Amino acid sequence: MMLRNAAGRRAVATAATALSLALALSACSGTTKDSSDKESTKAGATAKADPGAALKKGLKLAFLPKQINNPYEKIVDDAGIEAAKEYGGTGKEVGPSDASASSQVSYINTLIQQRQDAILIAANDPNAVCGPLKQAMKKNIKVVAYDSDTAKECRQLFINQASSEEIGRSLVQHLGEQIGYKGKIAILSATQNATNQNTWIEFMKDELKLPKYKDMKLVKVAYGDDADQKSFQQTQGLMQAYPDLKGIISPTTVGIAAAARYLSDSSYKGKVVLNGLGTPNQMRKYVKDDTVEQFSLWNPQELGYLGSYAAASLASGRITGAEGEKFKAGKLGEYTIGKDGEVILGKPTVFDKKNIDTFDF
């Protein structure tokens, strides 16, 4: 909010001084920035974008995935870290070994203490991370969500791999075609709190309400917590509970690979259709041995690359996160910020026997 008179400015200055003294007395070592940082934060709240500004040198970016041992997110983060080198910045990946709702909170607090210029996060829970992310933004640390969004007020941008609606609906459309629009189906998801998974599943359920799916029935949404062994066991449990299951949608790279591994060595191979989101390198052998006919994904390297340039553009003042702003993302070209700070990478690719060997990630 802009101040329109001198009295208002004096009141804010007095309040800011009192707050600075209170923070100093609290002796919270390593958790607050100096007064110049506070001033830059206040200025950033009303600053306008400068599209012509140069990307700052020496920017420090931190990628915080859902879990550190997730192979898909490793691809995303490594690409973003490499992209930072193009504009003279540095990047790193830190994160928890499990994908529980609050597992990322302590890492965000540490990144604030380290005075990172930007935090890029694939949120395990849209709300559990909000408190510390808001603190980061108050200290002029830019926050970019990618892959799995936070609540909108807890970040400046969300780098979405593709339209959430397109992802959810297309997975049902593909599976429907494969099973002749008849039979029981199940969904093998990641965690119950994963923002991206839940959004896609809602669109899947909405798509299933259309008349052409009247003979298809969603019998179960199972959760493998993005853990390989648990996802394997959940697939096994689905087949035991529903031996006449016709199809499984797994919109998670960990889940689809684990489900494919189970089906490939079972009597259900060739009888149960598995579709979802996976990487070519994970799924190649299952496509070639006819366990899986097709699956989808975007290029995760491009997702990380785009996220890196978006964060750098925020930290350099080229954009503020407002709808309609444009920025250049290196070799990917120009992108426009949409509603609620969303930036969409592009449409997903469908992989099958015809094209899978042309991809390596």
Protein backbone atom coordinates (compact mmCIF):
# COMPACT_ATOMS: atom_id res chain seq x y z
CA MET A 1 0.00 0.00 0.00
CA MET A 2 1.46 3.43 -0.96
CA LEU A 3 1.77 6.08 1.78
CA ARG A 4 0.34 9.42 0.74
CA ASN A 5 1.43 11.84 3.46
CA ALA A 6 4.44 12.67 5.59
CA ALA A 7 2.71 11.68 8.83
CA GLY A 8 2.12 8.21 7.44
CA ARG A 9 5.76 7.91 6.48
CA ARG A 10 6.91 9.03 9.93
CA ALA A 11 4.60 6.46 11.56
CA VAL A 12 6.00 3.65 9.49
CA ALA A 13 9.57 4.77 10.15
CA THR A 14 8.88 4.79 13.91
CA ALA A 15 7.36 1.34 13.75
CA ALA A 16 10.27 0.02 11.72
CA THR A 17 12.76 1.39 14.27
CA ALA A 18 10.89 -0.24 17.14
CA LEU A 19 10.79 -3.53 15.31
CA SER A 20 14.53 -3.41 14.61
CA LEU A 21 15.25 -2.83 18.31
CA ALA A 22 12.98 -5.71 19.29
CA LEU A 23 14.70 -8.06 16.90
CA ALA A 24 18.12 -7.03 18.17
CA LEU A 25 17.12 -7.66 21.77
CA SER A 26 15.75 -11.12 20.91
CA ALA A 27 19.29 -12.19 19.88
CA CYS A 28 18.03 -14.58 17.16
CA SER A 29 21.49 -15.17 15.71
CA GLY A 30 21.56 -15.94 11.98
CA THR A 31 17.82 -15.58 11.38
CA THR A 32 17.54 -11.89 10.48
CA LYS A 33 19.15 -9.73 7.85
CA ASP A 34 20.62 -6.29 8.44
CA SER A 35 18.76 -3.01 8.09
CA SER A 36 19.70 -2.63 4.43
CA ASP A 37 17.98 -5.94 3.73
CA LYS A 38 14.84 -4.69 5.49
CA GLU A 39 14.86 -1.56 3.37
CA SER A 40 15.23 -3.59 0.18
CA THR A 41 12.32 -5.79 1.26
CA LYS A 42 10.10 -2.76 1.85
CA ALA A 43 11.11 -1.33 -1.51
CA GLY A 44 10.49 -4.69 -3.21
CA ALA A 45 6.89 -4.71 -2.03
CA THR A 46 6.08 -1.72 -4.25
CA ALA A 47 8.84 -2.00 -6.86
CA LYS A 48 7.94 -2.16 -10.53
CA ALA A 49 9.39 -4.66 -12.95
CA ASP A 50 12.35 -3.53 -15.04
CA PRO A 51 12.32 -5.84 -18.08
CA GLY A 52 15.59 -4.37 -19.31
CA ALA A 53 17.52 -5.05 -16.11
CA ALA A 54 20.55 -7.32 -16.42
CA LEU A 55 20.52 -10.60 -14.53
CA LYS A 56 22.62 -10.07 -11.43
CA LYS A 57 25.93 -11.89 -11.13
CA GLY A 58 26.61 -14.09 -8.14
CA LEU A 59 22.99 -15.00 -7.39
CA LYS A 60 22.58 -17.90 -4.96
CA LEU A 61 19.74 -20.32 -5.70
CA ALA A 62 18.63 -23.30 -3.62
CA PHE A 63 16.44 -26.11 -4.94
CA LEU A 64 14.31 -27.89 -2.35
CA PRO A 65 12.68 -31.02 -3.85
CA LYS A 66 9.97 -33.14 -2.26
CA GLN A 67 12.66 -35.60 -1.28
CA ILE A 68 16.36 -35.67 -2.02
CA ASN A 69 16.43 -39.23 -3.43
CA ASN A 70 13.68 -38.74 -6.02
CA PRO A 71 15.31 -39.42 -9.44
CA TYR A 72 12.87 -37.22 -11.34
CA GLU A 73 13.45 -34.22 -9.11
CA LYS A 74 17.20 -34.82 -9.27
CA ILE A 75 16.99 -34.29 -13.04
CA VAL A 76 14.98 -31.08 -12.55
CA ASP A 77 17.29 -29.65 -9.90
CA ASP A 78 20.54 -30.52 -11.67
CA ALA A 79 19.31 -28.76 -14.79
CA GLY A 80 18.40 -25.67 -12.78
CA ILE A 81 21.78 -25.63 -11.09
CA GLU A 82 23.53 -25.88 -14.47
CA ALA A 83 21.37 -23.07 -15.84
CA ALA A 84 22.54 -20.78 -13.01
CA LYS A 85 26.08 -21.01 -14.37
CA GLU A 86 24.91 -19.42 -17.64
CA TYR A 87 24.08 -16.14 -15.91
CA GLY A 88 26.92 -16.19 -13.38
CA GLY A 89 24.99 -17.63 -10.46
CA THR A 90 25.34 -20.70 -8.30
CA GLY A 91 22.83 -23.30 -7.23
CA LYS A 92 22.53 -26.24 -4.88
CA GLU A 93 20.02 -28.92 -3.93
CA VAL A 94 19.02 -29.64 -0.34
CA GLY A 95 16.09 -31.53 1.08
CA PRO A 96 14.59 -34.28 3.21
CA SER A 97 14.81 -38.02 2.64
CA ASP A 98 11.05 -38.43 3.09
CA ALA A 99 8.10 -36.62 1.52
CA SER A 100 6.07 -35.93 4.66
CA ALA A 101 4.10 -32.70 4.91
CA SER A 102 6.45 -30.81 7.26
CA SER A 103 9.78 -32.36 6.27
CA GLN A 104 10.87 -29.30 4.25
CA VAL A 105 10.34 -26.70 6.97
CA SER A 106 13.73 -26.98 8.69
CA TYR A 107 15.50 -26.72 5.33
CA ILE A 108 13.69 -23.50 4.48
CA ASN A 109 14.73 -22.02 7.82
CA THR A 110 18.35 -22.94 7.15
CA LEU A 111 18.23 -21.42 3.66
CA ILE A 112 16.90 -18.19 5.16
CA GLN A 113 19.84 -18.13 7.58
CA GLN A 114 22.20 -18.68 4.66
CA ARG A 115 20.73 -15.66 2.89
CA GLN A 116 19.95 -17.34 -0.40
CA ASP A 117 18.70 -15.03 -3.15
CA ALA A 118 15.99 -17.47 -4.17
CA ILE A 119 14.40 -20.69 -2.93
CA LEU A 120 12.84 -23.02 -5.49
CA ILE A 121 10.56 -25.59 -3.88
CA ALA A 122 8.49 -28.58 -4.96
CA ALA A 123 6.08 -28.54 -2.04
CA ASN A 124 5.10 -31.70 -0.20
CA ASP A 125 2.16 -29.85 1.30
CA PRO A 126 0.73 -26.52 0.07
CA ASN A 127 0.29 -25.07 3.55
CA ALA A 128 2.84 -26.71 5.84
CA VAL A 129 5.68 -24.72 4.25
CA CYS A 130 3.87 -21.39 4.19
CA GLY A 131 5.10 -19.92 7.48
CA PRO A 132 8.82 -20.11 6.72
CA LEU A 133 8.35 -19.21 3.04
CA LYS A 134 6.54 -16.03 4.04
CA GLN A 135 9.45 -15.24 6.35
CA ALA A 136 11.82 -15.76 3.45
CA MET A 137 9.90 -13.32 1.25
CA LYS A 138 9.87 -10.75 4.04
CA LYS A 139 13.66 -10.93 3.98
CA ASN A 140 13.67 -10.31 0.21
CA ILE A 141 14.39 -13.93 -0.68
CA LYS A 142 12.45 -14.80 -3.81
CA VAL A 143 10.30 -17.93 -3.69
CA VAL A 144 9.48 -20.00 -6.75
CA ALA A 145 7.41 -23.17 -6.54
CA TYR A 146 7.90 -25.80 -9.23
CA ASP A 147 6.31 -29.16 -10.01
CA SER A 148 4.10 -29.07 -6.88
CA ASP A 149 2.70 -25.71 -5.81
CA THR A 150 2.44 -24.02 -2.44
CA ALA A 151 -0.52 -21.88 -1.44
CA LYS A 152 -0.49 -18.86 -3.75
CA GLU A 153 0.35 -16.34 -1.04
CA CYS A 154 3.49 -18.24 -0.08
CA ARG A 155 5.50 -17.73 -3.28
CA GLN A 156 5.90 -15.28 -6.14
CA LEU A 157 5.80 -17.76 -9.01
CA PHE A 158 4.73 -21.32 -9.77
CA ILE A 159 6.53 -23.05 -12.63
CA ASN A 160 4.00 -25.57 -13.83
CA GLN A 161 5.24 -28.35 -16.08
CA ALA A 162 2.02 -28.27 -18.12
CA SER A 163 -1.59 -27.28 -17.67
CA SER A 164 -2.88 -29.21 -14.66
CA GLU A 165 -6.19 -29.74 -16.38
CA GLU A 166 -4.54 -31.06 -19.52
CA ILE A 167 -2.41 -33.50 -17.52
CA GLY A 168 -5.31 -34.89 -15.52
CA ARG A 169 -7.79 -35.17 -18.37
CA SER A 170 -5.31 -36.54 -20.91
CA LEU A 171 -4.26 -39.41 -18.63
CA VAL A 172 -7.89 -40.54 -18.38
CA GLN A 173 -8.39 -40.04 -22.11
CA HIS A 174 -5.37 -42.20 -22.96
CA LEU A 175 -6.35 -44.96 -20.54
CA GLY A 176 -9.96 -44.90 -21.76
CA GLU A 177 -8.82 -45.47 -25.33
CA GLN A 178 -6.56 -48.33 -24.24
CA ILE A 179 -9.23 -50.26 -22.32
CA GLY A 180 -12.13 -49.53 -24.67
CA TYR A 181 -13.82 -47.26 -22.12
CA LYS A 182 -14.89 -50.24 -20.01
CA GLY A 183 -13.81 -51.67 -16.67
CA LYS A 184 -12.55 -50.86 -13.21
CA ILE A 185 -9.57 -48.55 -12.85
CA ALA A 186 -7.39 -47.30 -9.99
CA ILE A 187 -5.00 -44.42 -9.38
CA LEU A 188 -1.60 -44.92 -7.75
CA SER A 189 -0.58 -41.50 -6.45
CA ALA A 190 2.34 -40.15 -4.40
CA THR A 191 1.46 -38.61 -1.01
CA GLN A 192 -2.03 -37.63 0.10
CA ASN A 193 -0.96 -33.99 0.52
CA ALA A 194 0.90 -33.52 -2.79
CA THR A 195 -0.58 -30.43 -4.44
CA ASN A 196 0.13 -31.44 -8.01
CA GLN A 197 -1.12 -35.00 -7.60
CA ASN A 198 -4.37 -33.91 -5.95
CA THR A 199 -5.03 -31.27 -8.60
CA TRP A 200 -4.49 -33.77 -11.42
CA ILE A 201 -6.67 -36.37 -9.69
CA GLU A 202 -9.53 -33.88 -9.36
CA PHE A 203 -9.40 -33.28 -13.11
CA MET A 204 -9.26 -37.05 -13.69
CA LYS A 205 -12.40 -37.52 -11.63
CA ASP A 206 -14.11 -34.68 -13.46
CA GLU A 207 -13.18 -36.20 -16.84
CA LEU A 208 -14.61 -39.54 -15.73
CA LYS A 209 -18.03 -37.88 -15.26
CA LEU A 210 -18.38 -37.46 -19.03
CA PRO A 211 -20.85 -39.84 -20.75
CA LYS A 212 -18.21 -41.73 -22.72
CA TYR A 213 -16.72 -43.04 -19.46
CA LYS A 214 -20.02 -44.37 -18.09
CA ASP A 215 -18.70 -47.96 -18.19
CA MET A 216 -15.45 -47.09 -16.42
CA LYS A 217 -15.36 -47.08 -12.61
CA LEU A 218 -12.66 -45.59 -10.38
CA VAL A 219 -12.50 -48.06 -7.49
CA LYS A 220 -9.49 -46.81 -5.51
CA VAL A 221 -6.92 -44.04 -5.11
CA ALA A 222 -3.85 -45.60 -3.50
CA TYR A 223 -0.82 -43.76 -2.14
CA GLY A 224 2.76 -44.99 -2.46
CA ASP A 225 4.26 -41.86 -0.86
CA ASP A 226 6.71 -41.55 -3.77
CA ALA A 227 8.63 -44.47 -2.25
CA ASP A 228 9.57 -47.29 -4.60
CA GLN A 229 8.87 -50.24 -2.32
CA LYS A 230 5.64 -48.85 -0.93
CA SER A 231 4.40 -48.07 -4.45
CA PHE A 232 5.27 -51.65 -5.47
CA GLN A 233 3.32 -52.99 -2.50
CA GLN A 234 0.37 -50.71 -3.20
CA THR A 235 0.20 -52.05 -6.75
CA GLN A 236 0.26 -55.58 -5.42
CA GLY A 237 -2.51 -54.67 -2.98
CA LEU A 238 -4.64 -53.17 -5.75
CA MET A 239 -4.44 -56.38 -7.78
CA GLN A 240 -5.26 -58.53 -4.78
CA ALA A 241 -8.26 -56.38 -3.89
CA TYR A 242 -9.46 -55.96 -7.49
CA PRO A 243 -8.26 -58.92 -9.58
CA ASP A 244 -10.52 -57.79 -12.44
CA LEU A 245 -8.89 -54.34 -12.59
CA LYS A 246 -8.47 -53.14 -16.17
CA GLY A 247 -6.20 -50.14 -15.74
CA ILE A 248 -3.99 -48.13 -13.41
CA ILE A 249 -3.04 -44.46 -13.75
CA SER A 250 0.07 -43.47 -11.83
CA PRO A 251 0.81 -39.74 -12.18
CA THR A 252 4.16 -40.06 -10.39
CA THR A 253 7.48 -41.19 -11.85
CA VAL A 254 8.29 -43.28 -8.78
CA GLY A 255 4.86 -44.90 -8.75
CA ILE A 256 4.62 -45.80 -12.42
CA ALA A 257 8.07 -47.42 -12.44
CA ALA A 258 7.27 -49.46 -9.32
CA ALA A 259 3.89 -50.50 -10.71
CA ALA A 260 5.48 -51.52 -14.00
CA ARG A 261 8.06 -53.61 -12.15
CA TYR A 262 5.31 -55.48 -10.31
CA LEU A 263 3.15 -56.04 -13.38
CA SER A 264 6.07 -57.15 -15.56
CA ASP A 265 6.70 -60.20 -13.35
CA SER A 266 3.05 -61.03 -12.64
CA SER A 267 0.22 -62.86 -14.35
CA TYR A 268 -1.39 -59.46 -14.96
CA LYS A 269 1.18 -58.44 -17.56
CA GLY A 270 -0.63 -57.64 -20.79
CA LYS A 271 -3.99 -57.78 -19.04
CA VAL A 272 -3.82 -54.62 -16.92
CA VAL A 273 -3.08 -51.35 -18.70
CA LEU A 274 -0.65 -49.04 -16.90
CA ASN A 275 -0.43 -45.39 -17.88
CA GLY A 276 0.80 -42.26 -16.14
CA LEU A 277 3.83 -40.01 -15.84
CA GLY A 278 7.35 -41.40 -16.09
CA THR A 279 10.81 -40.75 -17.48
CA PRO A 280 11.99 -42.56 -20.63
CA ASN A 281 15.08 -43.99 -18.95
CA GLN A 282 13.01 -45.48 -16.13
CA MET A 283 10.31 -46.87 -18.37
CA ARG A 284 12.20 -47.95 -21.50
CA LYS A 285 12.50 -51.63 -20.59
CA TYR A 286 8.83 -51.85 -19.63
CA VAL A 287 7.75 -50.34 -22.94
CA LYS A 288 9.99 -52.71 -24.87
CA ASP A 289 8.78 -55.82 -23.00
CA ASP A 290 5.12 -54.78 -23.55
CA THR A 291 4.30 -54.19 -19.89
CA VAL A 292 3.48 -50.56 -20.75
CA GLU A 293 2.18 -49.33 -24.10
CA GLN A 294 2.56 -45.60 -23.48
CA PHE A 295 3.11 -42.96 -20.79
CA SER A 296 3.59 -39.20 -20.67
CA LEU A 297 5.89 -36.53 -19.29
CA TRP A 298 7.36 -33.14 -20.05
CA ASN A 299 11.11 -32.59 -20.22
CA PRO A 300 12.21 -32.30 -16.55
CA GLN A 301 15.50 -30.72 -17.57
CA GLU A 302 13.59 -27.87 -19.21
CA LEU A 303 11.44 -27.50 -16.09
CA GLY A 304 14.52 -26.98 -13.92
CA TYR A 305 16.09 -24.68 -16.50
CA LEU A 306 12.96 -22.51 -16.69
CA GLY A 307 12.64 -22.37 -12.91
CA SER A 308 16.24 -21.21 -12.57
CA TYR A 309 15.82 -18.34 -15.03
CA ALA A 310 12.48 -17.35 -13.48
CA ALA A 311 14.08 -17.13 -10.03
CA ALA A 312 17.00 -15.12 -11.40
CA SER A 313 14.62 -12.75 -13.16
CA LEU A 314 12.74 -12.17 -9.91
CA ALA A 315 15.93 -11.63 -7.93
CA SER A 316 17.22 -9.20 -10.56
CA GLY A 317 14.05 -7.12 -10.72
CA ARG A 318 13.13 -8.04 -14.29
CA ILE A 319 9.76 -9.32 -13.06
CA THR A 320 7.74 -9.14 -9.87
CA GLY A 321 5.43 -12.09 -10.49
CA ALA A 322 2.50 -10.04 -11.78
CA GLU A 323 0.21 -11.46 -14.44
CA GLY A 324 1.21 -10.43 -17.96
CA GLU A 325 4.89 -9.83 -17.23
CA LYS A 326 7.34 -11.44 -19.65
CA PHE A 327 10.87 -12.73 -19.17
CA LYS A 328 13.46 -14.58 -21.22
CA ALA A 329 14.56 -18.01 -20.08
CA GLY A 330 17.82 -18.48 -21.94
CA LYS A 331 17.61 -21.02 -24.78
CA LEU A 332 13.91 -21.71 -24.02
CA GLY A 333 12.92 -18.22 -25.13
CA GLU A 334 10.28 -15.87 -23.73
CA TYR A 335 7.59 -16.79 -21.22
CA THR A 336 4.57 -14.88 -19.96
CA ILE A 337 3.36 -15.00 -16.36
CA GLY A 338 -0.28 -16.07 -16.13
CA LYS A 339 -2.94 -15.83 -13.46
CA ASP A 340 -1.80 -16.30 -9.85
CA GLY A 341 1.86 -16.19 -10.86
CA GLU A 342 1.72 -19.38 -12.93
CA VAL A 343 4.22 -20.02 -15.72
CA ILE A 344 3.54 -23.08 -17.88
CA LEU A 345 6.45 -24.93 -19.47
CA GLY A 346 4.44 -26.54 -22.29
CA LYS A 347 2.52 -29.63 -23.35
CA PRO A 348 3.56 -33.10 -22.16
CA THR A 349 5.03 -35.64 -24.58
CA VAL A 350 3.56 -39.13 -25.03
CA PHE A 351 6.25 -41.83 -25.11
CA ASP A 352 5.86 -45.24 -26.77
CA LYS A 353 7.93 -47.76 -28.75
CA LYS A 354 8.12 -45.44 -31.73
CA ASN A 355 9.88 -42.54 -30.01
CA ILE A 356 11.25 -43.61 -26.63
CA ASP A 357 14.79 -44.22 -27.88
CA THR A 358 15.07 -40.64 -29.08
CA PHE A 359 14.96 -39.41 -25.46
CA ASP A 360 17.59 -39.73 -22.75
CA PHE A 361 16.52 -38.52 -19.32
